[in-house]
Every structure is written in C-alpha cells, then in structure tokens.
Amino acid sequence: MAKASTSTSAPNTPASYEAAVLELEQLVSRLESGELPLAQLLTGYQRGAELLKYCREQLAAVEGQIKVLDEGMLKTWTPE
C-alpha cells in the first residue's frame, strides 16, 4: 500500500528559504552562462520569478515576527 504524503506544500514550493536561494543562484548562473536552450529560457525566467517571490514572502514574514517581538519597533541590528 502506498504511503500518503504528509506534505501540504505545492510540488514546486521550495523546502526552505535556503533551498530557494540556492536554486535561484543556480538558475541565474545557468541563465547568465547561456547554458539553457532558447526554448527553456522563458521557463527558467518564470521559475526564477517564483523563487524570488517566495524568498521575499519569507523575509517579509520574518520581518513581521521581529516587529511583534520588538513590540512594533524595529531596532537597528549591530553585529557583536
């Protein structure tokens, strides 16, 4: 009997922010190198746009959580 998938994410949704950034970096490298055939350029560009949107959404979500944690006041981060 086949085991049902417990994942609720779409098949093209990256597993994490880091995975999305890695895939985006690899895709940009392939696009810039001319490695992709013309027929795949549009598909690659569209996937890149999806990854960029995902990353921006993840960053916005974390920023929202930071605002809540800092009681609505964003503080300047300084490395220790």
C-alpha atoms as a PDB file:
ATOM      1  CA  MET A   1       0.000   0.000   0.000  1.00  0.00           C
ATOM      2  CA  ALA A   2       1.389   3.420  -0.937  1.00  0.00           C
ATOM      3  CA  LYS A   3       2.126   5.813   1.871  1.00  0.00           C
ATOM      4  CA  ALA A   4       0.217   9.093   1.658  1.00  0.00           C
ATOM      5  CA  SER A   5       2.284  12.233   1.508  1.00  0.00           C
ATOM      6  CA  THR A   6       2.057  14.415   4.601  1.00  0.00           C
ATOM      7  CA  SER A   7       3.366  17.496   2.831  1.00  0.00           C
ATOM      8  CA  THR A   8       0.796  20.208   2.199  1.00  0.00           C
ATOM      9  CA  SER A   9       3.050  22.390   0.033  1.00  0.00           C
ATOM     10  CA  ALA A  10       2.803  22.621  -3.724  1.00  0.00           C
ATOM     11  CA  PRO A  11       5.251  20.455  -5.661  1.00  0.00           C
ATOM     12  CA  ASN A  12       7.239  23.482  -6.869  1.00  0.00           C
ATOM     13  CA  THR A  13       7.430  25.135  -3.451  1.00  0.00           C
ATOM     14  CA  PRO A  14      10.977  25.112  -2.072  1.00  0.00           C
ATOM     15  CA  ALA A  15      11.590  23.178   1.138  1.00  0.00           C
ATOM     16  CA  SER A  16      13.056  26.272   2.804  1.00  0.00           C
ATOM     17  CA  TYR A  17      14.297  29.800   2.227  1.00  0.00           C
ATOM     18  CA  GLU A  18      17.848  28.481   1.943  1.00  0.00           C
ATOM     19  CA  ALA A  19      16.811  25.891  -0.658  1.00  0.00           C
ATOM     20  CA  ALA A  20      15.059  28.606  -2.670  1.00  0.00           C
ATOM     21  CA  VAL A  21      18.111  30.867  -2.596  1.00  0.00           C
ATOM     22  CA  LEU A  22      20.363  28.001  -3.682  1.00  0.00           C
ATOM     23  CA  GLU A  23      18.059  27.054  -6.551  1.00  0.00           C
ATOM     24  CA  LEU A  24      17.754  30.696  -7.587  1.00  0.00           C
ATOM     25  CA  GLU A  25      21.543  31.152  -7.583  1.00  0.00           C
ATOM     26  CA  GLN A  26      21.991  28.034  -9.722  1.00  0.00           C
ATOM     27  CA  LEU A  27      19.262  29.138 -12.117  1.00  0.00           C
ATOM     28  CA  VAL A  28      20.723  32.628 -12.508  1.00  0.00           C
ATOM     29  CA  SER A  29      24.125  31.109 -13.180  1.00  0.00           C
ATOM     30  CA  ARG A  30      22.676  28.877 -15.903  1.00  0.00           C
ATOM     31  CA  LEU A  31      20.729  31.771 -17.444  1.00  0.00           C
ATOM     32  CA  GLU A  32      23.788  34.034 -17.467  1.00  0.00           C
ATOM     33  CA  SER A  33      26.093  31.358 -18.887  1.00  0.00           C
ATOM     34  CA  GLY A  34      23.872  30.721 -21.895  1.00  0.00           C
ATOM     35  CA  GLU A  35      23.604  27.074 -20.840  1.00  0.00           C
ATOM     36  CA  LEU A  36      19.832  26.928 -21.351  1.00  0.00           C
ATOM     37  CA  PRO A  37      18.377  26.477 -24.829  1.00  0.00           C
ATOM     38  CA  LEU A  38      16.177  29.292 -26.059  1.00  0.00           C
ATOM     39  CA  ALA A  39      13.033  27.217 -25.524  1.00  0.00           C
ATOM     40  CA  GLN A  40      13.851  26.870 -21.807  1.00  0.00           C
ATOM     41  CA  LEU A  41      14.793  30.499 -21.142  1.00  0.00           C
ATOM     42  CA  LEU A  42      11.220  31.630 -20.520  1.00  0.00           C
ATOM     43  CA  THR A  43      10.531  28.669 -18.227  1.00  0.00           C
ATOM     44  CA  GLY A  44      13.740  29.414 -16.330  1.00  0.00           C
ATOM     45  CA  TYR A  45      12.843  33.069 -16.007  1.00  0.00           C
ATOM     46  CA  GLN A  46       9.364  32.204 -14.719  1.00  0.00           C
ATOM     47  CA  ARG A  47      10.801  29.776 -12.139  1.00  0.00           C
ATOM     48  CA  GLY A  48      13.243  32.471 -11.045  1.00  0.00           C
ATOM     49  CA  ALA A  49      10.365  34.908 -10.566  1.00  0.00           C
ATOM     50  CA  GLU A  50       8.510  32.301  -8.455  1.00  0.00           C
ATOM     51  CA  LEU A  51      11.601  31.694  -6.302  1.00  0.00           C
ATOM     52  CA  LEU A  52      12.172  35.414  -5.838  1.00  0.00           C
ATOM     53  CA  LYS A  53       8.547  35.897  -4.775  1.00  0.00           C
ATOM     54  CA  TYR A  54       8.840  33.002  -2.301  1.00  0.00           C
ATOM     55  CA  CYS A  55      12.038  34.462  -0.804  1.00  0.00           C
ATOM     56  CA  ARG A  56      10.510  37.927  -0.472  1.00  0.00           C
ATOM     57  CA  GLU A  57       7.432  36.460   1.231  1.00  0.00           C
ATOM     58  CA  GLN A  58       9.602  34.509   3.667  1.00  0.00           C
ATOM     59  CA  LEU A  59      11.653  37.595   4.515  1.00  0.00           C
ATOM     60  CA  ALA A  60       8.503  39.677   4.984  1.00  0.00           C
ATOM     61  CA  ALA A  61       7.076  37.028   7.326  1.00  0.00           C
ATOM     62  CA  VAL A  62      10.232  37.033   9.442  1.00  0.00           C
ATOM     63  CA  GLU A  63      10.261  40.827   9.499  1.00  0.00           C
ATOM     64  CA  GLY A  64       6.657  40.760  10.721  1.00  0.00           C
ATOM     65  CA  GLN A  65       7.602  38.365  13.505  1.00  0.00           C
ATOM     66  CA  ILE A  66      10.513  40.594  14.513  1.00  0.00           C
ATOM     67  CA  LYS A  67       8.185  43.596  14.692  1.00  0.00           C
ATOM     68  CA  VAL A  68       5.896  41.665  17.034  1.00  0.00           C
ATOM     69  CA  LEU A  69       8.826  40.540  19.180  1.00  0.00           C
ATOM     70  CA  ASP A  70      10.182  44.083  19.372  1.00  0.00           C
ATOM     71  CA  GLU A  71       6.714  45.443  20.259  1.00  0.00           C
ATOM     72  CA  GLY A  72       6.287  47.088  16.879  1.00  0.00           C
ATOM     73  CA  MET A  73       9.623  48.895  16.965  1.00  0.00           C
ATOM     74  CA  LEU A  74      12.296  47.737  14.551  1.00  0.00           C
ATOM     75  CA  LYS A  75      15.701  48.042  16.148  1.00  0.00           C
ATOM     76  CA  THR A  76      18.936  48.541  14.295  1.00  0.00           C
ATOM     77  CA  TRP A  77      20.880  45.314  14.269  1.00  0.00           C
ATOM     78  CA  THR A  78      24.561  45.571  15.041  1.00  0.00           C
ATOM     79  CA  PRO A  79      26.860  42.561  14.894  1.00  0.00           C
ATOM     80  CA  GLU A  80      28.511  41.646  18.161  1.00  0.00           C
END
